[in-house]
Amino acid sequence: MSNQDKKINLDIRKSRPQTLAAAFGGLMEMFGGRNSDADLANNWNKIVSDDISKISNVVAIKLSRDKKFNIVLRPVSPAFALELSYKVDEIKTSVDKYYGRDAVGKITIRK
């Protein structure tokens, strides 16, 4: 079979463009590298508990000068904003445990 007979399917990827960190996230996970903000956003459901991941969405992650993440969360419904504010310490602990270091600088909740 020659290369001309092969049909290339260009419609495999239908989502928006990804960063390199997101594209290589699986490879980095195999080697234990967890340093990017894309890794945090992609694995949000695995990092925090189910009750937190169901009521929150990660809106933005900014890396501060001291290499800590400033995470901006948006509740699924404005009614969950107060509940999320009570769980900020639990979220910080979960993210720090995932990265194995003091990784979170600040968590902000936007309605």
Protein backbone atom coordinates (compact mmCIF):
# COMPACT_ATOMS: atom_id res chain seq x y z
CA MET A 1 0.00 0.00 0.00
CA SER A 2 1.49 3.32 -1.00
CA ASN A 3 1.26 6.61 0.84
CA GLN A 4 -1.03 7.96 -1.86
CA ASP A 5 -3.69 5.37 -1.03
CA LYS A 6 -3.91 6.44 2.61
CA LYS A 7 -6.56 9.01 3.41
CA ILE A 8 -5.69 11.51 6.10
CA ASN A 9 -8.56 12.43 8.34
CA LEU A 10 -8.18 16.12 9.13
CA ASP A 11 -11.41 16.24 11.13
CA ILE A 12 -10.03 14.24 14.07
CA ARG A 13 -9.56 17.26 16.27
CA LYS A 14 -12.70 19.32 16.52
CA SER A 15 -11.98 21.35 19.63
CA ARG A 16 -10.32 24.72 19.96
CA PRO A 17 -6.53 25.05 19.69
CA GLN A 18 -4.62 23.92 22.77
CA THR A 19 -1.45 25.09 24.39
CA LEU A 20 1.58 22.85 24.21
CA ALA A 21 1.31 22.20 27.92
CA ALA A 22 -2.25 20.93 27.47
CA ALA A 23 -1.32 18.81 24.47
CA PHE A 24 1.61 17.22 26.28
CA GLY A 25 -0.28 16.91 29.57
CA GLY A 26 -0.62 13.14 29.29
CA LEU A 27 3.08 12.76 28.57
CA MET A 28 4.02 15.01 31.47
CA GLU A 29 1.71 13.04 33.74
CA MET A 30 3.54 9.83 32.85
CA PHE A 31 6.84 11.36 33.96
CA GLY A 32 5.36 13.07 37.00
CA GLY A 33 5.75 16.67 35.82
CA ARG A 34 2.99 18.81 37.23
CA ASN A 35 3.98 22.41 36.82
CA SER A 36 1.64 24.04 34.36
CA ASP A 37 -1.59 25.90 34.77
CA ALA A 38 -3.04 23.89 31.87
CA ASP A 39 -2.50 20.75 33.92
CA LEU A 40 -4.49 22.28 36.76
CA ALA A 41 -7.37 23.31 34.49
CA ASN A 42 -7.51 19.96 32.68
CA ASN A 43 -7.47 17.89 35.87
CA TRP A 44 -9.70 20.11 38.01
CA ASN A 45 -12.25 17.30 38.48
CA LYS A 46 -9.53 14.93 39.67
CA ILE A 47 -7.79 17.41 41.96
CA VAL A 48 -10.69 18.71 44.04
CA SER A 49 -13.53 16.68 45.50
CA ASP A 50 -16.66 15.89 43.49
CA ASP A 51 -18.85 18.30 45.43
CA ILE A 52 -16.49 21.20 44.66
CA SER A 53 -15.94 20.32 41.00
CA LYS A 54 -19.70 20.12 40.39
CA ILE A 55 -20.34 23.65 41.65
CA SER A 56 -17.24 25.46 40.32
CA ASN A 57 -15.53 26.23 37.04
CA VAL A 58 -11.96 27.42 36.64
CA VAL A 59 -12.11 30.78 34.86
CA ALA A 60 -8.47 31.86 34.98
CA ILE A 61 -5.15 30.77 36.38
CA LYS A 62 -2.34 33.27 36.66
CA LEU A 63 1.20 32.52 37.70
CA SER A 64 2.54 35.10 40.12
CA ARG A 65 6.16 36.22 40.38
CA ASP A 66 6.79 33.83 43.24
CA LYS A 67 5.65 30.91 41.00
CA LYS A 68 2.35 30.41 42.81
CA PHE A 69 -1.02 30.04 41.11
CA ASN A 70 -3.69 32.68 41.53
CA ILE A 71 -6.88 30.79 40.72
CA VAL A 72 -10.14 32.47 39.71
CA LEU A 73 -13.25 30.33 40.18
CA ARG A 74 -16.79 30.94 39.01
CA PRO A 75 -19.66 29.09 40.68
CA VAL A 76 -22.07 27.25 38.39
CA SER A 77 -24.87 29.22 40.00
CA PRO A 78 -24.56 32.42 42.06
CA ALA A 79 -26.17 30.54 44.93
CA PHE A 80 -23.00 28.43 45.29
CA ALA A 81 -20.66 31.41 45.74
CA LEU A 82 -21.02 31.40 49.52
CA GLU A 83 -20.46 27.64 49.73
CA LEU A 84 -17.32 27.96 47.59
CA SER A 85 -16.01 30.71 49.84
CA TYR A 86 -16.27 28.31 52.80
CA LYS A 87 -14.29 25.67 50.89
CA VAL A 88 -11.33 27.83 49.82
CA ASP A 89 -9.01 26.20 52.37
CA GLU A 90 -10.04 22.73 51.20
CA ILE A 91 -9.39 23.70 47.56
CA LYS A 92 -5.97 25.14 48.44
CA THR A 93 -5.04 21.98 50.33
CA SER A 94 -6.13 19.74 47.45
CA VAL A 95 -4.16 21.70 44.84
CA ASP A 96 -1.06 21.87 47.05
CA LYS A 97 -1.26 18.13 47.63
CA TYR A 98 -1.59 17.49 43.87
CA TYR A 99 1.52 19.54 43.07
CA GLY A 100 3.45 18.42 46.13
CA ARG A 101 4.36 21.95 47.14
CA ASP A 102 2.83 25.23 48.27
CA ALA A 103 1.39 26.01 44.83
CA VAL A 104 -1.60 28.28 45.51
CA GLY A 105 -1.12 31.94 46.24
CA LYS A 106 -4.69 33.17 46.13
CA ILE A 107 -8.14 31.86 45.23
CA THR A 108 -10.73 34.38 43.99
CA ILE A 109 -14.41 33.66 43.50
CA ARG A 110 -16.27 35.69 40.87
CA LYS A 111 -20.01 35.64 40.49
